Amino acid sequence: MSFPIDRPRRLRRTEALRGLVRETRLSAAGFIYPMFVCPGNKVRKEVSSMPGIYQQSADQIVEECREVEALGIPGVILFGLPEKKDARGATSLAVDGVVQKAIEAIRKAKLNLLVITDVCLCEYTDHGHCGVIENGEIVNDATLEILAEQALSHARAGADVVAPSDMMDGRVGAIRAELDAHKFENIPIISYAAKYCSGFYGPFREAAESAPKFGDRRSYQMDPANSREAMKEVELDLEEGVDVIMVKPALPYLDIIRGVRDRFDIPVAAYNVSGEFSMVKAAAQNHWIEEKRVVLEILTGIQRAGAQIILTYHAKDAARWLRS
């Protein structure tokens, strides 16, 4: 019997051939680097569960942003660690808040970076939940007012994009209305539209000091078993005027990323979250895996699933490796 005419290995024979026919081309141009801003000056404290990731004061944030810019990464997303917390997250609205000061410092440094801000209450509330609590329940509509004010304060400080991560119903519409009413109609919104109640957030809660003091977030973040519900969440955010849709986490929800990409004509982002990052780091430190190879394979998989924007703590390393 003659051998089949098709020999797929022909195009795998050399790196030049493999590169020529490669279907997914990973690039640092699609990365966003998450950063944690804390009070003070010259503060740079490594997060114990996230090697190479730091809580930093605004002056140190600027220095790392210079490195991010030099690596060709187009933007950062800022998470705030306030000096004081209260039941309603009031410090998130302050003109001199940690995120607001960091935005202004980056702007003053004239860095060519997109500055995206996380809009949520969990880092700012003394109870650690993403919304206002009344009678022991996380309430939706009262939370929207604070989120909208927070987004407006970020825009006034100079943010390019705001990204609500709270999973309250109607938050995109409330934020859009507030921004538009104050002449910030050109500020885009990236919504964490399909944000699951995941076990992969553990290291982030150390980094952002945002672990809930009681209960969990199952009443507002999505059930990991649901996929059709994610499409509904995306549809609702589209109706409210969202500009970019995000899926979080990335790796356990590649099917959701693909579903959003196939169904909706809108830019899709995915968050390669802290637990995903820390597992790779731990395995690499124990010499169980080859870090560079695994990281690039993970990020390629996320992009192949349909995410053109990837928020990842691996961004700086990956950008260097892609240059080499």
C-alpha atoms as a PDB file:
ATOM      1  CA  MET A   1       0.000   0.000   0.000  1.00  0.00           C
ATOM      2  CA  SER A   2       1.388   3.384  -0.989  1.00  0.00           C
ATOM      3  CA  PHE A   3       2.068   5.932   1.742  1.00  0.00           C
ATOM      4  CA  PRO A   4      -0.487   8.774   2.013  1.00  0.00           C
ATOM      5  CA  ILE A   5       0.335  11.886   0.021  1.00  0.00           C
ATOM      6  CA  ASP A   6      -0.304  14.127   3.056  1.00  0.00           C
ATOM      7  CA  ARG A   7       2.708  14.298   5.377  1.00  0.00           C
ATOM      8  CA  PRO A   8       1.995  16.957   8.042  1.00  0.00           C
ATOM      9  CA  ARG A   9       5.494  16.475   9.453  1.00  0.00           C
ATOM     10  CA  ARG A  10       6.948  18.194   6.379  1.00  0.00           C
ATOM     11  CA  LEU A  11       5.964  21.550   7.869  1.00  0.00           C
ATOM     12  CA  ARG A  12       7.298  20.663  11.337  1.00  0.00           C
ATOM     13  CA  ARG A  13      10.798  19.759  10.230  1.00  0.00           C
ATOM     14  CA  THR A  14      12.569  23.015  11.130  1.00  0.00           C
ATOM     15  CA  GLU A  15      11.858  26.020  13.330  1.00  0.00           C
ATOM     16  CA  ALA A  16      11.703  28.229  10.241  1.00  0.00           C
ATOM     17  CA  LEU A  17       8.974  26.046   8.736  1.00  0.00           C
ATOM     18  CA  ARG A  18       7.103  25.782  12.044  1.00  0.00           C
ATOM     19  CA  GLY A  19       7.193  29.558  12.420  1.00  0.00           C
ATOM     20  CA  LEU A  20       6.027  30.113   8.861  1.00  0.00           C
ATOM     21  CA  VAL A  21       2.776  28.160   9.324  1.00  0.00           C
ATOM     22  CA  ARG A  22       2.138  28.996  12.991  1.00  0.00           C
ATOM     23  CA  GLU A  23      -1.555  29.757  13.527  1.00  0.00           C
ATOM     24  CA  THR A  24      -1.358  31.667  16.820  1.00  0.00           C
ATOM     25  CA  ARG A  25       1.362  34.287  17.182  1.00  0.00           C
ATOM     26  CA  LEU A  26       1.826  35.378  20.779  1.00  0.00           C
ATOM     27  CA  SER A  27       2.951  38.970  21.263  1.00  0.00           C
ATOM     28  CA  ALA A  28       3.643  41.261  24.189  1.00  0.00           C
ATOM     29  CA  ALA A  29       1.394  43.791  22.423  1.00  0.00           C
ATOM     30  CA  GLY A  30      -1.588  41.942  23.906  1.00  0.00           C
ATOM     31  CA  PHE A  31      -0.334  41.802  27.501  1.00  0.00           C
ATOM     32  CA  ILE A  32      -1.492  43.852  30.492  1.00  0.00           C
ATOM     33  CA  TYR A  33       0.630  43.742  33.661  1.00  0.00           C
ATOM     34  CA  PRO A  34      -1.181  43.831  37.058  1.00  0.00           C
ATOM     35  CA  MET A  35       0.365  45.970  39.810  1.00  0.00           C
ATOM     36  CA  PHE A  36      -0.432  46.546  43.500  1.00  0.00           C
ATOM     37  CA  VAL A  37      -0.181  50.111  44.843  1.00  0.00           C
ATOM     38  CA  CYS A  38       0.305  50.761  48.559  1.00  0.00           C
ATOM     39  CA  PRO A  39       0.802  53.930  50.642  1.00  0.00           C
ATOM     40  CA  GLY A  40       4.166  55.439  51.462  1.00  0.00           C
ATOM     41  CA  ASN A  41       7.412  56.179  49.676  1.00  0.00           C
ATOM     42  CA  LYS A  42      10.155  53.795  48.532  1.00  0.00           C
ATOM     43  CA  VAL A  43       8.022  50.818  49.596  1.00  0.00           C
ATOM     44  CA  ARG A  44       8.579  47.566  47.703  1.00  0.00           C
ATOM     45  CA  LYS A  45       7.409  44.438  49.500  1.00  0.00           C
ATOM     46  CA  GLU A  46       7.373  41.089  47.724  1.00  0.00           C
ATOM     47  CA  VAL A  47       4.162  39.050  47.933  1.00  0.00           C
ATOM     48  CA  SER A  48       5.220  35.780  49.578  1.00  0.00           C
ATOM     49  CA  SER A  49       2.905  33.609  47.463  1.00  0.00           C
ATOM     50  CA  MET A  50       3.750  35.393  44.205  1.00  0.00           C
ATOM     51  CA  PRO A  51       7.520  35.449  43.555  1.00  0.00           C
ATOM     52  CA  GLY A  52       8.581  38.589  41.710  1.00  0.00           C
ATOM     53  CA  ILE A  53       5.320  40.460  42.389  1.00  0.00           C
ATOM     54  CA  TYR A  54       5.324  43.387  44.821  1.00  0.00           C
ATOM     55  CA  GLN A  55       3.177  45.739  46.847  1.00  0.00           C
ATOM     56  CA  GLN A  56       4.689  49.115  45.929  1.00  0.00           C
ATOM     57  CA  SER A  57       4.308  52.790  46.658  1.00  0.00           C
ATOM     58  CA  ALA A  58       3.584  55.116  43.740  1.00  0.00           C
ATOM     59  CA  ASP A  59       7.229  56.116  43.212  1.00  0.00           C
ATOM     60  CA  GLN A  60       8.254  52.460  42.884  1.00  0.00           C
ATOM     61  CA  ILE A  61       5.278  51.744  40.628  1.00  0.00           C
ATOM     62  CA  VAL A  62       6.626  54.377  38.235  1.00  0.00           C
ATOM     63  CA  GLU A  63      10.054  52.735  38.160  1.00  0.00           C
ATOM     64  CA  GLU A  64       8.593  49.327  37.321  1.00  0.00           C
ATOM     65  CA  CYS A  65       6.331  50.950  34.748  1.00  0.00           C
ATOM     66  CA  ARG A  66       9.460  52.214  32.976  1.00  0.00           C
ATOM     67  CA  GLU A  67      10.566  48.596  32.687  1.00  0.00           C
ATOM     68  CA  VAL A  68       7.123  47.527  31.478  1.00  0.00           C
ATOM     69  CA  GLU A  69       7.168  50.228  28.795  1.00  0.00           C
ATOM     70  CA  ALA A  70      10.678  49.249  27.652  1.00  0.00           C
ATOM     71  CA  LEU A  71       9.547  45.647  27.190  1.00  0.00           C
ATOM     72  CA  GLY A  72       6.822  46.658  24.752  1.00  0.00           C
ATOM     73  CA  ILE A  73       3.933  45.836  27.087  1.00  0.00           C
ATOM     74  CA  PRO A  74       1.194  48.358  26.291  1.00  0.00           C
ATOM     75  CA  GLY A  75      -0.445  48.757  29.675  1.00  0.00           C
ATOM     76  CA  VAL A  76      -0.820  48.057  33.371  1.00  0.00           C
ATOM     77  CA  ILE A  77      -3.816  47.526  35.633  1.00  0.00           C
ATOM     78  CA  LEU A  78      -3.645  49.022  39.120  1.00  0.00           C
ATOM     79  CA  PHE A  79      -5.056  47.555  42.342  1.00  0.00           C
ATOM     80  CA  GLY A  80      -5.048  49.701  45.485  1.00  0.00           C
ATOM     81  CA  LEU A  81      -4.116  48.896  49.077  1.00  0.00           C
ATOM     82  CA  PRO A  82      -5.395  51.838  51.118  1.00  0.00           C
ATOM     83  CA  GLU A  83      -4.001  53.031  54.420  1.00  0.00           C
ATOM     84  CA  LYS A  84      -7.441  52.811  56.037  1.00  0.00           C
ATOM     85  CA  LYS A  85     -10.508  50.680  55.368  1.00  0.00           C
ATOM     86  CA  ASP A  86     -14.149  51.132  56.298  1.00  0.00           C
ATOM     87  CA  ALA A  87     -17.494  49.437  55.754  1.00  0.00           C
ATOM     88  CA  ARG A  88     -18.239  51.229  52.471  1.00  0.00           C
ATOM     89  CA  GLY A  89     -14.776  51.584  50.947  1.00  0.00           C
ATOM     90  CA  ALA A  90     -14.884  55.377  51.109  1.00  0.00           C
ATOM     91  CA  THR A  91     -11.111  55.753  50.701  1.00  0.00           C
ATOM     92  CA  SER A  92     -11.426  54.404  47.159  1.00  0.00           C
ATOM     93  CA  LEU A  93     -12.999  57.757  46.203  1.00  0.00           C
ATOM     94  CA  ALA A  94     -10.310  60.012  47.661  1.00  0.00           C
ATOM     95  CA  VAL A  95      -8.511  62.430  45.352  1.00  0.00           C
ATOM     96  CA  ASP A  96      -5.283  61.481  47.119  1.00  0.00           C
ATOM     97  CA  GLY A  97      -6.080  57.742  47.215  1.00  0.00           C
ATOM     98  CA  VAL A  98      -3.339  55.249  46.463  1.00  0.00           C
ATOM     99  CA  VAL A  99      -4.541  54.434  42.952  1.00  0.00           C
ATOM    100  CA  GLN A 100      -5.280  58.056  42.113  1.00  0.00           C
ATOM    101  CA  LYS A 101      -1.754  59.082  43.212  1.00  0.00           C
ATOM    102  CA  ALA A 102      -0.189  56.256  41.217  1.00  0.00           C
ATOM    103  CA  ILE A 103      -2.091  57.284  38.078  1.00  0.00           C
ATOM    104  CA  GLU A 104      -0.893  60.857  38.502  1.00  0.00           C
ATOM    105  CA  ALA A 105       2.715  59.703  39.066  1.00  0.00           C
ATOM    106  CA  ILE A 106       2.676  57.597  35.907  1.00  0.00           C
ATOM    107  CA  ARG A 107       1.221  60.502  33.963  1.00  0.00           C
ATOM    108  CA  LYS A 108       3.837  62.897  35.355  1.00  0.00           C
ATOM    109  CA  ALA A 109       6.573  60.495  34.216  1.00  0.00           C
ATOM    110  CA  LYS A 110       5.151  60.763  30.667  1.00  0.00           C
ATOM    111  CA  LEU A 111       5.232  57.011  30.124  1.00  0.00           C
ATOM    112  CA  ASN A 112       3.686  55.621  26.976  1.00  0.00           C
ATOM    113  CA  LEU A 113       1.449  53.172  28.821  1.00  0.00           C
ATOM    114  CA  LEU A 114      -2.255  52.545  29.040  1.00  0.00           C
ATOM    115  CA  VAL A 115      -3.294  52.922  32.671  1.00  0.00           C
ATOM    116  CA  ILE A 116      -6.227  50.665  33.531  1.00  0.00           C
ATOM    117  CA  THR A 117      -7.755  50.676  37.000  1.00  0.00           C
ATOM    118  CA  ASP A 118      -9.591  47.957  38.846  1.00  0.00           C
ATOM    119  CA  VAL A 119     -12.944  49.264  40.075  1.00  0.00           C
ATOM    120  CA  CYS A 120     -14.127  47.322  43.110  1.00  0.00           C
ATOM    121  CA  LEU A 121     -14.598  47.681  46.868  1.00  0.00           C
ATOM    122  CA  CYS A 122     -12.961  44.521  48.241  1.00  0.00           C
ATOM    123  CA  GLU A 123      -9.521  46.117  48.740  1.00  0.00           C
ATOM    124  CA  TYR A 124     -11.083  49.105  50.519  1.00  0.00           C
ATOM    125  CA  THR A 125     -13.719  47.577  52.803  1.00  0.00           C
ATOM    126  CA  ASP A 126     -12.956  46.379  56.309  1.00  0.00           C
ATOM    127  CA  HIS A 127     -15.052  43.265  55.667  1.00  0.00           C
ATOM    128  CA  GLY A 128     -13.325  42.361  52.383  1.00  0.00           C
ATOM    129  CA  HIS A 129     -16.449  41.992  50.259  1.00  0.00           C
ATOM    130  CA  CYS A 130     -16.959  43.643  46.871  1.00  0.00           C
ATOM    131  CA  GLY A 131     -20.128  45.440  47.879  1.00  0.00           C
ATOM    132  CA  VAL A 132     -21.897  47.320  50.638  1.00  0.00           C
ATOM    133  CA  ILE A 133     -23.339  45.175  53.434  1.00  0.00           C
ATOM    134  CA  GLU A 134     -26.799  45.804  54.871  1.00  0.00           C
ATOM    135  CA  ASN A 135     -28.378  43.434  57.392  1.00  0.00           C
ATOM    136  CA  GLY A 136     -25.693  40.861  56.711  1.00  0.00           C
ATOM    137  CA  GLU A 137     -26.270  40.829  52.945  1.00  0.00           C
ATOM    138  CA  ILE A 138     -24.115  42.216  50.132  1.00  0.00           C
ATOM    139  CA  VAL A 139     -26.526  44.660  48.501  1.00  0.00           C
ATOM    140  CA  ASN A 140     -26.405  45.481  44.835  1.00  0.00           C
ATOM    141  CA  ASP A 141     -27.833  48.918  44.079  1.00  0.00           C
ATOM    142  CA  ALA A 142     -26.206  50.831  46.930  1.00  0.00           C
ATOM    143  CA  THR A 143     -22.873  49.421  45.770  1.00  0.00           C
ATOM    144  CA  LEU A 144     -23.383  50.751  42.238  1.00  0.00           C
ATOM    145  CA  GLU A 145     -23.315  54.358  43.406  1.00  0.00           C
ATOM    146  CA  ILE A 146     -19.899  53.924  45.042  1.00  0.00           C
ATOM    147  CA  LEU A 147     -18.472  52.000  42.089  1.00  0.00           C
ATOM    148  CA  ALA A 148     -19.569  54.729  39.698  1.00  0.00           C
ATOM    149  CA  GLU A 149     -17.962  57.403  41.901  1.00  0.00           C
ATOM    150  CA  GLN A 150     -14.778  55.349  42.139  1.00  0.00           C
ATOM    151  CA  ALA A 151     -14.567  54.978  38.357  1.00  0.00           C
ATOM    152  CA  LEU A 152     -15.111  58.734  37.979  1.00  0.00           C
ATOM    153  CA  SER A 153     -12.327  59.496  40.460  1.00  0.00           C
ATOM    154  CA  HIS A 154      -9.953  57.276  38.464  1.00  0.00           C
ATOM    155  CA  ALA A 155     -10.894  59.006  35.230  1.00  0.00           C
ATOM    156  CA  ARG A 156     -10.335  62.413  36.800  1.00  0.00           C
ATOM    157  CA  ALA A 157      -6.890  61.286  37.967  1.00  0.00           C
ATOM    158  CA  GLY A 158      -5.996  60.354  34.393  1.00  0.00           C
ATOM    159  CA  ALA A 159      -6.883  56.676  33.935  1.00  0.00           C
ATOM    160  CA  ASP A 160      -7.246  55.536  30.317  1.00  0.00           C
ATOM    161  CA  VAL A 161      -9.614  52.654  31.059  1.00  0.00           C
ATOM    162  CA  VAL A 162     -11.701  51.494  34.028  1.00  0.00           C
ATOM    163  CA  ALA A 163     -12.336  47.827  34.748  1.00  0.00           C
ATOM    164  CA  PRO A 164     -15.140  46.918  37.187  1.00  0.00           C
ATOM    165  CA  SER A 165     -14.501  43.522  38.789  1.00  0.00           C
ATOM    166  CA  ASP A 166     -17.209  43.441  41.467  1.00  0.00           C
ATOM    167  CA  MET A 167     -19.892  41.410  39.594  1.00  0.00           C
ATOM    168  CA  MET A 168     -22.769  43.575  40.807  1.00  0.00           C
ATOM    169  CA  ASP A 169     -25.729  43.638  38.413  1.00  0.00           C
ATOM    170  CA  GLY A 170     -25.938  46.863  36.405  1.00  0.00           C
ATOM    171  CA  ARG A 171     -22.470  48.183  37.257  1.00  0.00           C
ATOM    172  CA  VAL A 172     -21.445  48.820  33.637  1.00  0.00           C
ATOM    173  CA  GLY A 173     -24.527  50.959  32.998  1.00  0.00           C
ATOM    174  CA  ALA A 174     -24.068  52.887  36.240  1.00  0.00           C
ATOM    175  CA  ILE A 175     -20.400  53.594  35.529  1.00  0.00           C
ATOM    176  CA  ARG A 176     -21.079  54.517  31.890  1.00  0.00           C
ATOM    177  CA  ALA A 177     -23.768  56.976  32.936  1.00  0.00           C
ATOM    178  CA  GLU A 178     -21.534  58.583  35.580  1.00  0.00           C
ATOM    179  CA  LEU A 179     -18.566  58.933  33.234  1.00  0.00           C
ATOM    180  CA  ASP A 180     -20.697  60.333  30.431  1.00  0.00           C
ATOM    181  CA  ALA A 181     -22.404  62.827  32.741  1.00  0.00           C
ATOM    182  CA  HIS A 182     -18.994  64.280  33.635  1.00  0.00           C
ATOM    183  CA  LYS A 183     -17.587  64.493  30.079  1.00  0.00           C
ATOM    184  CA  PHE A 184     -15.604  61.245  30.225  1.00  0.00           C
ATOM    185  CA  GLU A 185     -17.573  59.607  27.441  1.00  0.00           C
ATOM    186  CA  ASN A 186     -14.323  58.514  25.750  1.00  0.00           C
ATOM    187  CA  ILE A 187     -13.092  56.421  28.692  1.00  0.00           C
ATOM    188  CA  PRO A 188     -13.586  52.719  27.787  1.00  0.00           C
ATOM    189  CA  ILE A 189     -14.902  50.107  30.197  1.00  0.00           C
ATOM    190  CA  ILE A 190     -13.434  46.613  30.425  1.00  0.00           C
ATOM    191  CA  SER A 191     -15.879  44.538  32.424  1.00  0.00           C
ATOM    192  CA  TYR A 192     -15.057  41.361  34.279  1.00  0.00           C
ATOM    193  CA  ALA A 193     -18.238  40.057  32.679  1.00  0.00           C
ATOM    194  CA  ALA A 194     -17.704  36.360  33.393  1.00  0.00           C
ATOM    195  CA  LYS A 195     -15.887  36.312  36.719  1.00  0.00           C
ATOM    196  CA  TYR A 196     -16.144  32.981  38.464  1.00  0.00           C
ATOM    197  CA  CYS A 197     -16.033  32.255  42.186  1.00  0.00           C
ATOM    198  CA  SER A 198     -12.713  30.474  41.899  1.00  0.00           C
ATOM    199  CA  GLY A 199     -10.176  28.822  44.158  1.00  0.00           C
ATOM    200  CA  PHE A 200      -7.420  30.295  41.966  1.00  0.00           C
ATOM    201  CA  TYR A 201      -7.613  33.750  43.588  1.00  0.00           C
ATOM    202  CA  GLY A 202      -5.817  32.863  46.831  1.00  0.00           C
ATOM    203  CA  PRO A 203      -2.451  34.562  46.213  1.00  0.00           C
ATOM    204  CA  PHE A 204      -4.180  37.699  44.909  1.00  0.00           C
ATOM    205  CA  ARG A 205      -6.014  38.061  48.200  1.00  0.00           C
ATOM    206  CA  GLU A 206      -2.658  38.191  49.960  1.00  0.00           C
ATOM    207  CA  ALA A 207      -1.316  40.694  47.433  1.00  0.00           C
ATOM    208  CA  ALA A 208      -4.402  42.943  47.587  1.00  0.00           C
ATOM    209  CA  GLU A 209      -5.160  42.237  51.263  1.00  0.00           C
ATOM    210  CA  SER A 210      -8.754  41.614  50.246  1.00  0.00           C
ATOM    211  CA  ALA A 211      -9.814  38.270  51.733  1.00  0.00           C
ATOM    212  CA  PRO A 212     -13.441  38.349  52.993  1.00  0.00           C
ATOM    213  CA  LYS A 213     -13.696  38.488  56.786  1.00  0.00           C
ATOM    214  CA  PHE A 214     -16.759  36.254  56.689  1.00  0.00           C
ATOM    215  CA  GLY A 215     -18.554  34.039  54.194  1.00  0.00           C
ATOM    216  CA  ASP A 216     -17.538  33.917  50.557  1.00  0.00           C
ATOM    217  CA  ARG A 217     -18.378  35.576  47.236  1.00  0.00           C
ATOM    218  CA  ARG A 218     -20.691  32.949  45.805  1.00  0.00           C
ATOM    219  CA  SER A 219     -23.724  35.246  45.925  1.00  0.00           C
ATOM    220  CA  TYR A 220     -22.204  37.585  43.325  1.00  0.00           C
ATOM    221  CA  GLN A 221     -19.377  35.787  41.510  1.00  0.00           C
ATOM    222  CA  MET A 222     -20.362  33.053  39.057  1.00  0.00           C
ATOM    223  CA  ASP A 223     -20.755  29.335  39.758  1.00  0.00           C
ATOM    224  CA  PRO A 224     -17.845  27.453  38.092  1.00  0.00           C
ATOM    225  CA  ALA A 225     -20.310  24.867  36.763  1.00  0.00           C
ATOM    226  CA  ASN A 226     -22.156  27.369  34.543  1.00  0.00           C
ATOM    227  CA  SER A 227     -21.331  28.331  30.975  1.00  0.00           C
ATOM    228  CA  ARG A 228     -24.630  29.547  29.474  1.00  0.00           C
ATOM    229  CA  GLU A 229     -24.932  32.020  32.331  1.00  0.00           C
ATOM    230  CA  ALA A 230     -21.628  33.566  31.223  1.00  0.00           C
ATOM    231  CA  MET A 231     -23.108  34.355  27.816  1.00  0.00           C
ATOM    232  CA  LYS A 232     -26.046  36.057  29.538  1.00  0.00           C
ATOM    233  CA  GLU A 233     -23.682  38.162  31.664  1.00  0.00           C
ATOM    234  CA  VAL A 234     -21.826  39.245  28.521  1.00  0.00           C
ATOM    235  CA  GLU A 235     -25.081  40.122  26.745  1.00  0.00           C
ATOM    236  CA  LEU A 236     -26.203  42.264  29.675  1.00  0.00           C
ATOM    237  CA  ASP A 237     -22.894  44.143  29.776  1.00  0.00           C
ATOM    238  CA  LEU A 238     -23.093  44.748  26.031  1.00  0.00           C
ATOM    239  CA  GLU A 239     -26.556  46.234  26.476  1.00  0.00           C
ATOM    240  CA  GLU A 240     -25.117  48.567  29.129  1.00  0.00           C
ATOM    241  CA  GLY A 241     -22.344  49.854  26.858  1.00  0.00           C
ATOM    242  CA  VAL A 242     -19.240  47.817  27.713  1.00  0.00           C
ATOM    243  CA  ASP A 243     -16.226  48.129  25.382  1.00  0.00           C
ATOM    244  CA  VAL A 244     -14.185  45.005  26.213  1.00  0.00           C
ATOM    245  CA  ILE A 245     -15.316  41.748  27.822  1.00  0.00           C
ATOM    246  CA  MET A 246     -13.117  39.857  30.284  1.00  0.00           C
ATOM    247  CA  VAL A 247     -13.222  36.236  31.427  1.00  0.00           C
ATOM    248  CA  LYS A 248     -11.616  35.405  34.783  1.00  0.00           C
ATOM    249  CA  PRO A 249      -9.827  33.068  35.526  1.00  0.00           C
ATOM    250  CA  ALA A 250      -8.386  31.981  32.185  1.00  0.00           C
ATOM    251  CA  LEU A 251      -7.141  28.383  32.282  1.00  0.00           C
ATOM    252  CA  PRO A 252     -10.174  26.569  33.770  1.00  0.00           C
ATOM    253  CA  TYR A 253     -12.467  28.658  31.542  1.00  0.00           C
ATOM    254  CA  LEU A 254     -10.928  28.401  28.072  1.00  0.00           C
ATOM    255  CA  ASP A 255     -14.290  27.119  26.843  1.00  0.00           C
ATOM    256  CA  ILE A 256     -15.919  30.334  28.078  1.00  0.00           C
ATOM    257  CA  ILE A 257     -13.310  32.456  26.285  1.00  0.00           C
ATOM    258  CA  ARG A 258     -13.973  30.519  23.082  1.00  0.00           C
ATOM    259  CA  GLY A 259     -17.735  30.802  23.539  1.00  0.00           C
ATOM    260  CA  VAL A 260     -17.545  34.577  23.987  1.00  0.00           C
ATOM    261  CA  ARG A 261     -15.183  34.937  21.013  1.00  0.00           C
ATOM    262  CA  ASP A 262     -17.446  32.906  18.717  1.00  0.00           C
ATOM    263  CA  ARG A 263     -20.695  34.537  19.793  1.00  0.00           C
ATOM    264  CA  PHE A 264     -19.898  38.233  20.248  1.00  0.00           C
ATOM    265  CA  ASP A 265     -18.134  40.741  18.019  1.00  0.00           C
ATOM    266  CA  ILE A 266     -16.228  42.560  20.763  1.00  0.00           C
ATOM    267  CA  PRO A 267     -12.628  42.524  22.028  1.00  0.00           C
ATOM    268  CA  VAL A 268     -12.098  39.684  24.503  1.00  0.00           C
ATOM    269  CA  ALA A 269      -9.701  39.738  27.452  1.00  0.00           C
ATOM    270  CA  ALA A 270      -8.770  36.983  29.873  1.00  0.00           C
ATOM    271  CA  TYR A 271      -7.118  37.191  33.286  1.00  0.00           C
ATOM    272  CA  ASN A 272      -4.351  34.640  33.863  1.00  0.00           C
ATOM    273  CA  VAL A 273      -4.861  34.889  37.618  1.00  0.00           C
ATOM    274  CA  SER A 274      -2.617  34.686  40.668  1.00  0.00           C
ATOM    275  CA  GLY A 275      -3.189  31.006  41.457  1.00  0.00           C
ATOM    276  CA  GLU A 276      -2.340  30.028  37.898  1.00  0.00           C
ATOM    277  CA  PHE A 277       0.825  32.136  38.128  1.00  0.00           C
ATOM    278  CA  SER A 278       1.903  30.852  41.537  1.00  0.00           C
ATOM    279  CA  MET A 279       1.459  27.179  40.625  1.00  0.00           C
ATOM    280  CA  VAL A 280       3.797  27.619  37.670  1.00  0.00           C
ATOM    281  CA  LYS A 281       6.327  29.500  39.803  1.00  0.00           C
ATOM    282  CA  ALA A 282       6.260  26.838  42.546  1.00  0.00           C
ATOM    283  CA  ALA A 283       6.657  23.983  40.082  1.00  0.00           C
ATOM    284  CA  ALA A 284       9.497  25.781  38.301  1.00  0.00           C
ATOM    285  CA  GLN A 285      11.322  26.497  41.566  1.00  0.00           C
ATOM    286  CA  ASN A 286      11.130  22.780  42.339  1.00  0.00           C
ATOM    287  CA  HIS A 287      12.508  21.970  38.866  1.00  0.00           C
ATOM    288  CA  TRP A 288       9.382  20.014  37.979  1.00  0.00           C
ATOM    289  CA  ILE A 289       8.724  22.046  34.821  1.00  0.00           C
ATOM    290  CA  GLU A 290      10.608  24.317  32.422  1.00  0.00           C
ATOM    291  CA  GLU A 291       9.177  27.727  33.300  1.00  0.00           C
ATOM    292  CA  LYS A 292       9.724  29.540  29.992  1.00  0.00           C
ATOM    293  CA  ARG A 293       8.251  26.737  27.925  1.00  0.00           C
ATOM    294  CA  VAL A 294       5.216  26.280  30.178  1.00  0.00           C
ATOM    295  CA  VAL A 295       4.427  30.000  30.505  1.00  0.00           C
ATOM    296  CA  LEU A 296       4.547  30.594  26.762  1.00  0.00           C
ATOM    297  CA  GLU A 297       2.443  27.479  26.184  1.00  0.00           C
ATOM    298  CA  ILE A 298      -0.179  28.688  28.682  1.00  0.00           C
ATOM    299  CA  LEU A 299      -0.355  32.190  27.205  1.00  0.00           C
ATOM    300  CA  THR A 300      -0.523  30.790  23.677  1.00  0.00           C
ATOM    301  CA  GLY A 301      -3.392  28.537  24.761  1.00  0.00           C
ATOM    302  CA  ILE A 302      -5.301  31.493  26.219  1.00  0.00           C
ATOM    303  CA  GLN A 303      -4.827  33.466  23.018  1.00  0.00           C
ATOM    304  CA  ARG A 304      -5.692  30.451  20.848  1.00  0.00           C
ATOM    305  CA  ALA A 305      -8.962  30.126  22.780  1.00  0.00           C
ATOM    306  CA  GLY A 306      -9.894  33.629  21.627  1.00  0.00           C
ATOM    307  CA  ALA A 307      -8.474  36.216  24.042  1.00  0.00           C
ATOM    308  CA  GLN A 308      -6.626  38.995  22.237  1.00  0.00           C
ATOM    309  CA  ILE A 309      -5.839  40.720  25.554  1.00  0.00           C
ATOM    310  CA  ILE A 310      -4.210  38.788  28.407  1.00  0.00           C
ATOM    311  CA  LEU A 311      -3.783  40.165  31.914  1.00  0.00           C
ATOM    312  CA  THR A 312      -0.887  38.199  33.355  1.00  0.00           C
ATOM    313  CA  TYR A 313       1.763  38.413  36.057  1.00  0.00           C
ATOM    314  CA  HIS A 314       4.040  36.607  33.599  1.00  0.00           C
ATOM    315  CA  ALA A 315       3.930  39.615  31.249  1.00  0.00           C
ATOM    316  CA  LYS A 316       7.462  40.909  31.829  1.00  0.00           C
ATOM    317  CA  ASP A 317       9.125  37.492  31.649  1.00  0.00           C
ATOM    318  CA  ALA A 318       7.089  36.488  28.615  1.00  0.00           C
ATOM    319  CA  ALA A 319       7.919  39.740  26.829  1.00  0.00           C
ATOM    320  CA  ARG A 320      11.640  39.090  27.363  1.00  0.00           C
ATOM    321  CA  TRP A 321      11.379  35.497  26.170  1.00  0.00           C
ATOM    322  CA  LEU A 322       9.458  36.497  23.053  1.00  0.00           C
ATOM    323  CA  ARG A 323      12.250  38.928  22.173  1.00  0.00           C
ATOM    324  CA  SER A 324      15.000  36.311  22.500  1.00  0.00           C
END
